[in-house]
Structure formats: structure tokens, C-alpha cells
Amino acid sequence: MDGYVASMNLTFSVFEVTEANSTFSGSSPQFRLRIAVALAGLVSVELIQPAGGTTLHSQHLQSRGPGLHHMGVYVPNLAKAQSGLAARGYRSIMEGKIQELGDFAYFEAPDLHCIVEPLHLSANLPIFLARNAVSYSGPKSRRPS
């Protein structure tokens, strides 16, 4: 996060998800992820840190190391986006939900050389972040636990 803060002057909202408040297909029965989200103009930067259990994210980190994992696209209708990606021949590799935040899916997109994540977020995103996230704008700000 510090690199993004220093180079782009971003402030992140950091929160954790576990099996208690989320579902991630293909994950171990117990898992924990730290997620940091920052807005940079019309783009959002999302950093994900596996912190316990097995998820697609921890497997990717173990096999490929840190770096870009997926490209997320906000969609108004997740089911329609999933159908469109499947019709293109993209393979669904994960579906998930974070309570009070939204639903998402991951698709392998070989012609794009990445994983594509259509996601449908709740209109209550600001309320979710206010209730569940800690603000981080560099080493001197409050660090998430």
C-alpha cells in the first residue's frame, strides 16, 4: 500500500473478510483476507492479502508471487455479465459474496491474458466502508491490525 500511497497519493479503506461474512467458492472452510480499496479518479485500486486459510488468492500468491491477479469491472447485472463472459468461452473459476457489499465472480480470459472480475456492489458501499474499514494513507496513519 505504501507504494501506491507515495506514488499516487491514495488513501485506502482496509477491511477483512472471513467465512463469517463472506462466501468464496473453492475456499477452505475457514479463511481470512485483508482487502484495501482506494479510488484514483474513475479507477479503484484493490489490494488483497491472504491472511489465513486457502483461497484462490492464496494459491495464486503461492504459485506466482505478488503482482496483478485480476481486473475488476463494475456491472449493473452480475448474472448478465456472467452469461456474456461464459458465451465468450471464458471459464468461471470462482464466485463470491461479501455480506452488505456485493457479489462477484472470476473468469479466466485467455485472450486478455488475465482474470476478469465482474462485480456488482451495493449502493451502500460508503456505509459498508464506514462500518468495516480502517483508513490508511501511509505509515503514519492508523495501520490495520
N, C-alpha and C. Protein backbone atom coordinates (compact mmCIF):
# COMPACT_ATOMS: atom_id res chain seq x y z
N MET A 1 0.82 -1.20 0.00
CA MET A 1 0.00 0.00 0.00
C MET A 1 0.86 1.25 0.00
N ASP A 2 1.98 1.16 0.71
CA ASP A 2 2.81 2.36 0.83
C ASP A 2 3.27 2.88 -0.54
N GLY A 3 3.56 1.97 -1.47
CA GLY A 3 3.97 2.40 -2.81
C GLY A 3 2.87 3.16 -3.53
N TYR A 4 1.64 2.69 -3.40
CA TYR A 4 0.52 3.38 -4.03
C TYR A 4 0.24 4.71 -3.35
N VAL A 5 0.37 4.74 -2.03
CA VAL A 5 0.18 5.99 -1.30
C VAL A 5 1.22 7.02 -1.73
N ALA A 6 2.49 6.59 -1.78
CA ALA A 6 3.57 7.52 -2.11
C ALA A 6 3.52 7.98 -3.56
N SER A 7 3.22 7.07 -4.49
CA SER A 7 3.27 7.44 -5.90
C SER A 7 1.99 8.08 -6.43
N MET A 8 0.85 7.77 -5.82
CA MET A 8 -0.41 8.29 -6.33
C MET A 8 -1.22 9.06 -5.29
N ASN A 9 -0.67 9.20 -4.08
CA ASN A 9 -1.33 9.94 -3.01
C ASN A 9 -2.73 9.38 -2.71
N LEU A 10 -2.83 8.05 -2.67
CA LEU A 10 -4.11 7.40 -2.42
C LEU A 10 -4.33 7.19 -0.92
N THR A 11 -5.58 7.11 -0.54
CA THR A 11 -5.96 6.69 0.80
C THR A 11 -6.79 5.42 0.64
N PHE A 12 -6.44 4.40 1.38
CA PHE A 12 -7.12 3.11 1.29
C PHE A 12 -8.11 2.94 2.44
N SER A 13 -9.20 2.24 2.14
CA SER A 13 -10.12 1.73 3.16
C SER A 13 -9.80 0.25 3.27
N VAL A 14 -9.41 -0.19 4.47
CA VAL A 14 -8.93 -1.55 4.67
C VAL A 14 -9.92 -2.30 5.57
N PHE A 15 -10.33 -3.49 5.14
CA PHE A 15 -11.24 -4.31 5.93
C PHE A 15 -10.88 -5.78 5.73
N GLU A 16 -11.42 -6.62 6.59
CA GLU A 16 -11.18 -8.06 6.49
C GLU A 16 -12.47 -8.78 6.16
N VAL A 17 -12.32 -9.87 5.42
CA VAL A 17 -13.44 -10.76 5.17
C VAL A 17 -13.04 -12.16 5.60
N THR A 18 -14.01 -12.88 6.13
CA THR A 18 -13.81 -14.25 6.57
C THR A 18 -15.03 -15.05 6.15
N GLU A 19 -15.00 -16.34 6.46
CA GLU A 19 -16.16 -17.19 6.16
C GLU A 19 -17.39 -16.74 6.94
N ALA A 20 -17.21 -15.96 8.01
CA ALA A 20 -18.34 -15.48 8.81
C ALA A 20 -19.17 -14.42 8.07
N ASN A 21 -18.52 -13.64 7.18
CA ASN A 21 -19.25 -12.59 6.49
C ASN A 21 -19.16 -12.68 4.97
N SER A 22 -18.59 -13.78 4.46
CA SER A 22 -18.37 -13.89 3.02
C SER A 22 -18.44 -15.34 2.57
N THR A 23 -18.66 -15.51 1.28
CA THR A 23 -18.51 -16.83 0.67
C THR A 23 -17.63 -16.69 -0.55
N PHE A 24 -16.66 -17.57 -0.67
CA PHE A 24 -15.76 -17.62 -1.81
C PHE A 24 -15.70 -19.08 -2.26
N SER A 25 -16.27 -19.38 -3.43
CA SER A 25 -16.28 -20.77 -3.87
C SER A 25 -14.85 -21.28 -3.99
N GLY A 26 -14.66 -22.55 -3.62
CA GLY A 26 -13.34 -23.16 -3.72
C GLY A 26 -12.41 -22.83 -2.57
N SER A 27 -12.87 -22.08 -1.59
CA SER A 27 -12.04 -21.71 -0.44
C SER A 27 -12.13 -22.77 0.64
N SER A 28 -11.14 -22.76 1.54
CA SER A 28 -11.20 -23.66 2.69
C SER A 28 -12.36 -23.23 3.58
N PRO A 29 -12.84 -24.13 4.46
CA PRO A 29 -13.98 -23.78 5.32
C PRO A 29 -13.74 -22.52 6.15
N GLN A 30 -12.49 -22.27 6.53
CA GLN A 30 -12.14 -21.05 7.26
C GLN A 30 -11.07 -20.32 6.47
N PHE A 31 -11.26 -19.03 6.29
CA PHE A 31 -10.29 -18.21 5.56
C PHE A 31 -10.37 -16.78 6.07
N ARG A 32 -9.34 -16.02 5.76
CA ARG A 32 -9.32 -14.60 6.13
C ARG A 32 -8.53 -13.85 5.07
N LEU A 33 -9.09 -12.77 4.56
CA LEU A 33 -8.45 -11.90 3.59
C LEU A 33 -8.50 -10.47 4.10
N ARG A 34 -7.43 -9.72 3.90
CA ARG A 34 -7.44 -8.27 4.12
C ARG A 34 -7.60 -7.63 2.75
N ILE A 35 -8.55 -6.73 2.64
CA ILE A 35 -8.81 -6.06 1.37
C ILE A 35 -8.66 -4.56 1.59
N ALA A 36 -7.91 -3.92 0.70
CA ALA A 36 -7.72 -2.48 0.75
C ALA A 36 -8.23 -1.90 -0.57
N VAL A 37 -9.08 -0.89 -0.48
CA VAL A 37 -9.67 -0.27 -1.67
C VAL A 37 -9.39 1.23 -1.63
N ALA A 38 -8.94 1.75 -2.77
CA ALA A 38 -8.71 3.20 -2.90
C ALA A 38 -9.26 3.66 -4.24
N LEU A 39 -9.78 4.87 -4.28
CA LEU A 39 -10.25 5.45 -5.53
C LEU A 39 -9.18 6.35 -6.10
N ALA A 40 -8.92 6.17 -7.39
CA ALA A 40 -7.97 7.00 -8.13
C ALA A 40 -8.70 7.52 -9.36
N GLY A 41 -9.39 8.63 -9.22
CA GLY A 41 -10.22 9.12 -10.32
C GLY A 41 -11.38 8.17 -10.54
N LEU A 42 -11.53 7.69 -11.77
CA LEU A 42 -12.60 6.75 -12.10
C LEU A 42 -12.17 5.30 -11.94
N VAL A 43 -10.98 5.07 -11.43
CA VAL A 43 -10.44 3.72 -11.24
C VAL A 43 -10.35 3.43 -9.75
N SER A 44 -10.65 2.20 -9.38
CA SER A 44 -10.41 1.81 -8.00
C SER A 44 -9.26 0.81 -7.98
N VAL A 45 -8.42 0.95 -6.97
CA VAL A 45 -7.30 0.04 -6.77
C VAL A 45 -7.68 -0.85 -5.60
N GLU A 46 -7.61 -2.17 -5.82
CA GLU A 46 -7.96 -3.13 -4.78
C GLU A 46 -6.75 -4.02 -4.53
N LEU A 47 -6.30 -4.03 -3.29
CA LEU A 47 -5.19 -4.89 -2.90
C LEU A 47 -5.76 -5.96 -1.98
N ILE A 48 -5.36 -7.21 -2.21
CA ILE A 48 -5.88 -8.34 -1.42
C ILE A 48 -4.72 -9.08 -0.81
N GLN A 49 -4.76 -9.27 0.50
CA GLN A 49 -3.72 -10.01 1.22
C GLN A 49 -4.33 -11.25 1.87
N PRO A 50 -3.97 -12.45 1.39
CA PRO A 50 -4.42 -13.65 2.08
C PRO A 50 -3.82 -13.68 3.49
N ALA A 51 -4.66 -13.88 4.50
CA ALA A 51 -4.19 -13.84 5.88
C ALA A 51 -4.50 -15.12 6.65
N GLY A 52 -5.15 -16.07 5.99
CA GLY A 52 -5.45 -17.35 6.65
C GLY A 52 -6.30 -18.23 5.77
N GLY A 53 -6.10 -19.53 5.88
CA GLY A 53 -6.86 -20.48 5.09
C GLY A 53 -6.43 -20.48 3.64
N THR A 54 -7.21 -21.18 2.82
CA THR A 54 -6.91 -21.30 1.39
C THR A 54 -7.99 -20.61 0.58
N THR A 55 -7.56 -19.76 -0.33
CA THR A 55 -8.46 -19.10 -1.28
C THR A 55 -7.75 -19.09 -2.63
N LEU A 56 -8.48 -18.71 -3.65
CA LEU A 56 -7.87 -18.55 -4.96
C LEU A 56 -6.71 -17.56 -4.88
N HIS A 57 -6.85 -16.56 -4.02
CA HIS A 57 -5.81 -15.54 -3.88
C HIS A 57 -4.54 -16.12 -3.24
N SER A 58 -4.69 -16.93 -2.19
CA SER A 58 -3.51 -17.51 -1.55
C SER A 58 -2.82 -18.50 -2.48
N GLN A 59 -3.59 -19.25 -3.27
CA GLN A 59 -3.00 -20.19 -4.23
C GLN A 59 -2.23 -19.44 -5.31
N HIS A 60 -2.77 -18.34 -5.79
CA HIS A 60 -2.10 -17.53 -6.81
C HIS A 60 -0.80 -16.95 -6.26
N LEU A 61 -0.86 -16.44 -5.04
CA LEU A 61 0.34 -15.86 -4.42
C LEU A 61 1.42 -16.92 -4.25
N GLN A 62 1.02 -18.11 -3.83
CA GLN A 62 1.98 -19.19 -3.62
C GLN A 62 2.60 -19.65 -4.94
N SER A 63 1.82 -19.73 -6.00
CA SER A 63 2.34 -20.25 -7.27
C SER A 63 3.02 -19.19 -8.13
N ARG A 64 2.59 -17.94 -8.04
CA ARG A 64 3.12 -16.90 -8.94
C ARG A 64 3.78 -15.72 -8.25
N GLY A 65 3.61 -15.62 -6.93
CA GLY A 65 4.17 -14.49 -6.22
C GLY A 65 3.26 -13.28 -6.30
N PRO A 66 3.69 -12.16 -5.70
CA PRO A 66 2.85 -10.96 -5.68
C PRO A 66 2.75 -10.34 -7.07
N GLY A 67 1.71 -9.57 -7.26
CA GLY A 67 1.51 -8.87 -8.53
C GLY A 67 0.04 -8.86 -8.91
N LEU A 68 -0.21 -8.45 -10.13
CA LEU A 68 -1.58 -8.32 -10.63
C LEU A 68 -2.25 -9.69 -10.67
N HIS A 69 -3.42 -9.78 -10.09
CA HIS A 69 -4.19 -11.03 -10.08
C HIS A 69 -5.38 -10.95 -11.03
N HIS A 70 -6.12 -9.86 -10.97
CA HIS A 70 -7.31 -9.76 -11.80
C HIS A 70 -7.65 -8.30 -12.11
N MET A 71 -8.54 -8.15 -13.09
CA MET A 71 -9.06 -6.83 -13.46
C MET A 71 -10.55 -6.85 -13.14
N GLY A 72 -10.99 -5.97 -12.27
CA GLY A 72 -12.40 -5.91 -11.89
C GLY A 72 -13.15 -4.88 -12.71
N VAL A 73 -14.40 -5.22 -13.03
CA VAL A 73 -15.26 -4.34 -13.79
C VAL A 73 -16.60 -4.27 -13.06
N TYR A 74 -17.03 -3.06 -12.70
CA TYR A 74 -18.32 -2.89 -12.06
C TYR A 74 -19.43 -3.11 -13.09
N VAL A 75 -20.41 -3.93 -12.75
CA VAL A 75 -21.51 -4.23 -13.67
C VAL A 75 -22.84 -4.01 -12.95
N PRO A 76 -23.88 -3.57 -13.69
CA PRO A 76 -25.19 -3.38 -13.06
C PRO A 76 -25.94 -4.69 -12.85
N ASN A 77 -25.60 -5.74 -13.62
CA ASN A 77 -26.29 -7.01 -13.53
C ASN A 77 -25.26 -8.13 -13.61
N LEU A 78 -24.94 -8.75 -12.47
CA LEU A 78 -23.89 -9.77 -12.43
C LEU A 78 -24.26 -10.99 -13.26
N ALA A 79 -25.49 -11.47 -13.17
CA ALA A 79 -25.89 -12.66 -13.92
C ALA A 79 -25.74 -12.44 -15.42
N LYS A 80 -26.12 -11.28 -15.90
CA LYS A 80 -25.99 -10.97 -17.33
C LYS A 80 -24.52 -10.91 -17.74
N ALA A 81 -23.68 -10.32 -16.91
CA ALA A 81 -22.25 -10.26 -17.21
C ALA A 81 -21.65 -11.66 -17.23
N GLN A 82 -22.03 -12.50 -16.27
CA GLN A 82 -21.53 -13.87 -16.24
C GLN A 82 -21.94 -14.63 -17.49
N SER A 83 -23.17 -14.47 -17.91
CA SER A 83 -23.63 -15.14 -19.13
C SER A 83 -22.83 -14.69 -20.35
N GLY A 84 -22.58 -13.39 -20.44
CA GLY A 84 -21.82 -12.86 -21.56
C GLY A 84 -20.39 -13.37 -21.59
N LEU A 85 -19.75 -13.44 -20.41
CA LEU A 85 -18.38 -13.95 -20.35
C LEU A 85 -18.34 -15.44 -20.68
N ALA A 86 -19.31 -16.19 -20.18
CA ALA A 86 -19.38 -17.62 -20.49
C ALA A 86 -19.61 -17.84 -21.98
N ALA A 87 -20.45 -17.01 -22.59
CA ALA A 87 -20.72 -17.12 -24.03
C ALA A 87 -19.46 -16.86 -24.85
N ARG A 88 -18.55 -16.07 -24.33
CA ARG A 88 -17.26 -15.83 -25.00
C ARG A 88 -16.30 -16.99 -24.82
N GLY A 89 -16.69 -17.96 -24.00
CA GLY A 89 -15.83 -19.11 -23.76
C GLY A 89 -14.94 -18.96 -22.55
N TYR A 90 -15.14 -17.90 -21.77
CA TYR A 90 -14.35 -17.71 -20.56
C TYR A 90 -14.84 -18.70 -19.50
N ARG A 91 -13.89 -19.26 -18.77
CA ARG A 91 -14.20 -20.26 -17.75
C ARG A 91 -14.36 -19.59 -16.39
N SER A 92 -15.48 -19.88 -15.73
CA SER A 92 -15.72 -19.38 -14.38
C SER A 92 -14.82 -20.14 -13.42
N ILE A 93 -14.04 -19.41 -12.60
CA ILE A 93 -13.15 -20.08 -11.66
C ILE A 93 -13.51 -19.78 -10.21
N MET A 94 -14.39 -18.81 -9.97
CA MET A 94 -14.80 -18.54 -8.61
C MET A 94 -16.01 -17.61 -8.61
N GLU A 95 -16.86 -17.80 -7.62
CA GLU A 95 -17.95 -16.87 -7.36
C GLU A 95 -17.91 -16.52 -5.90
N GLY A 96 -18.33 -15.31 -5.55
CA GLY A 96 -18.29 -14.92 -4.16
C GLY A 96 -19.27 -13.84 -3.80
N LYS A 97 -19.38 -13.66 -2.49
CA LYS A 97 -20.28 -12.63 -1.95
C LYS A 97 -19.66 -12.13 -0.65
N ILE A 98 -19.69 -10.84 -0.46
CA ILE A 98 -19.31 -10.22 0.80
C ILE A 98 -20.57 -9.55 1.33
N GLN A 99 -21.03 -10.02 2.49
CA GLN A 99 -22.29 -9.51 3.04
C GLN A 99 -22.26 -7.99 3.14
N GLU A 100 -23.35 -7.38 2.75
CA GLU A 100 -23.55 -5.93 2.77
C GLU A 100 -22.72 -5.18 1.74
N LEU A 101 -21.87 -5.89 0.97
CA LEU A 101 -21.02 -5.20 0.00
C LEU A 101 -21.40 -5.55 -1.43
N GLY A 102 -21.48 -6.84 -1.75
CA GLY A 102 -21.86 -7.20 -3.10
C GLY A 102 -21.43 -8.59 -3.50
N ASP A 103 -21.69 -8.90 -4.77
CA ASP A 103 -21.40 -10.20 -5.36
C ASP A 103 -20.39 -10.02 -6.49
N PHE A 104 -19.62 -11.10 -6.75
CA PHE A 104 -18.62 -11.05 -7.80
C PHE A 104 -18.34 -12.44 -8.33
N ALA A 105 -17.62 -12.51 -9.42
CA ALA A 105 -17.18 -13.77 -10.00
C ALA A 105 -15.83 -13.54 -10.66
N TYR A 106 -15.06 -14.60 -10.81
CA TYR A 106 -13.79 -14.53 -11.53
C TYR A 106 -13.88 -15.45 -12.74
N PHE A 107 -13.42 -14.96 -13.88
CA PHE A 107 -13.38 -15.73 -15.11
C PHE A 107 -11.98 -15.67 -15.70
N GLU A 108 -11.48 -16.82 -16.17
CA GLU A 108 -10.22 -16.83 -16.92
C GLU A 108 -10.52 -16.27 -18.30
N ALA A 109 -9.73 -15.28 -18.71
CA ALA A 109 -9.90 -14.64 -20.02
C ALA A 109 -8.58 -14.77 -20.78
N PRO A 110 -8.36 -15.93 -21.43
CA PRO A 110 -7.07 -16.18 -22.08
C PRO A 110 -6.67 -15.13 -23.12
N ASP A 111 -7.64 -14.62 -23.89
CA ASP A 111 -7.29 -13.63 -24.90
C ASP A 111 -6.93 -12.28 -24.30
N LEU A 112 -7.33 -12.04 -23.05
CA LEU A 112 -6.97 -10.81 -22.35
C LEU A 112 -5.74 -11.02 -21.45
N HIS A 113 -5.30 -12.27 -21.32
CA HIS A 113 -4.14 -12.64 -20.51
C HIS A 113 -4.29 -12.25 -19.05
N CYS A 114 -5.52 -12.41 -18.54
CA CYS A 114 -5.76 -12.11 -17.14
C CYS A 114 -7.05 -12.76 -16.68
N ILE A 115 -7.35 -12.57 -15.42
CA ILE A 115 -8.64 -12.96 -14.85
C ILE A 115 -9.51 -11.71 -14.85
N VAL A 116 -10.76 -11.87 -15.27
CA VAL A 116 -11.71 -10.76 -15.28
C VAL A 116 -12.71 -10.99 -14.15
N GLU A 117 -12.97 -9.92 -13.40
CA GLU A 117 -13.91 -9.99 -12.28
C GLU A 117 -15.08 -9.04 -12.50
N PRO A 118 -16.22 -9.56 -12.96
CA PRO A 118 -17.40 -8.70 -12.93
C PRO A 118 -17.88 -8.62 -11.48
N LEU A 119 -18.19 -7.42 -11.02
CA LEU A 119 -18.67 -7.30 -9.66
C LEU A 119 -19.82 -6.32 -9.58
N HIS A 120 -20.77 -6.69 -8.74
CA HIS A 120 -21.94 -5.85 -8.52
C HIS A 120 -21.94 -5.45 -7.05
N LEU A 121 -21.65 -4.18 -6.81
CA LEU A 121 -21.56 -3.68 -5.44
C LEU A 121 -22.87 -3.05 -5.01
N SER A 122 -23.11 -3.12 -3.73
CA SER A 122 -24.28 -2.49 -3.13
C SER A 122 -24.15 -0.97 -3.24
N ALA A 123 -25.27 -0.31 -3.31
CA ALA A 123 -25.26 1.16 -3.27
C ALA A 123 -24.82 1.66 -1.90
N ASN A 124 -24.76 0.75 -0.95
CA ASN A 124 -24.36 1.10 0.41
C ASN A 124 -22.86 1.00 0.65
N LEU A 125 -22.05 1.03 -0.41
CA LEU A 125 -20.59 0.93 -0.26
C LEU A 125 -20.04 1.92 0.76
N PRO A 126 -20.40 3.19 0.72
CA PRO A 126 -19.85 4.11 1.73
C PRO A 126 -20.21 3.72 3.16
N ILE A 127 -21.43 3.23 3.37
CA ILE A 127 -21.84 2.80 4.70
C ILE A 127 -21.05 1.56 5.12
N PHE A 128 -20.89 0.61 4.19
CA PHE A 128 -20.10 -0.59 4.49
C PHE A 128 -18.69 -0.22 4.91
N LEU A 129 -18.04 0.66 4.15
CA LEU A 129 -16.66 1.06 4.48
C LEU A 129 -16.60 1.79 5.81
N ALA A 130 -17.58 2.66 6.08
CA ALA A 130 -17.59 3.38 7.36
C ALA A 130 -17.71 2.43 8.54
N ARG A 131 -18.47 1.36 8.38
CA ARG A 131 -18.68 0.40 9.47
C ARG A 131 -17.55 -0.62 9.61
N ASN A 132 -16.89 -0.96 8.49
CA ASN A 132 -16.00 -2.11 8.49
C ASN A 132 -14.54 -1.82 8.16
N ALA A 133 -14.23 -0.62 7.71
CA ALA A 133 -12.87 -0.35 7.23
C ALA A 133 -12.13 0.64 8.11
N VAL A 134 -10.82 0.54 8.04
CA VAL A 134 -9.91 1.47 8.69
C VAL A 134 -9.24 2.26 7.57
N SER A 135 -9.13 3.57 7.71
CA SER A 135 -8.48 4.39 6.71
C SER A 135 -6.97 4.29 6.83
N TYR A 136 -6.28 4.18 5.68
CA TYR A 136 -4.82 4.10 5.66
C TYR A 136 -4.29 5.01 4.56
N SER A 137 -3.46 6.00 4.94
CA SER A 137 -2.89 6.91 3.96
C SER A 137 -1.37 7.02 4.11
N GLY A 138 -0.77 5.99 4.67
CA GLY A 138 0.68 5.95 4.79
C GLY A 138 1.11 5.47 6.15
N PRO A 139 2.42 5.29 6.32
CA PRO A 139 2.94 4.71 7.57
C PRO A 139 2.55 5.44 8.84
N LYS A 140 2.26 6.73 8.77
CA LYS A 140 1.92 7.48 9.98
C LYS A 140 0.44 7.41 10.31
N SER A 141 -0.38 6.89 9.37
CA SER A 141 -1.80 6.76 9.68
C SER A 141 -2.03 5.49 10.46
N ARG A 142 -3.25 5.29 10.90
CA ARG A 142 -3.59 4.11 11.68
C ARG A 142 -3.45 2.85 10.81
N ARG A 143 -2.62 1.95 11.24
CA ARG A 143 -2.41 0.70 10.48
C ARG A 143 -3.50 -0.31 10.84
N PRO A 144 -3.96 -1.04 9.81
CA PRO A 144 -4.92 -2.11 10.11
C PRO A 144 -4.25 -3.22 10.88
N SER A 145 -4.99 -3.91 11.74
CA SER A 145 -4.40 -5.00 12.52
C SER A 145 -4.31 -6.26 11.71
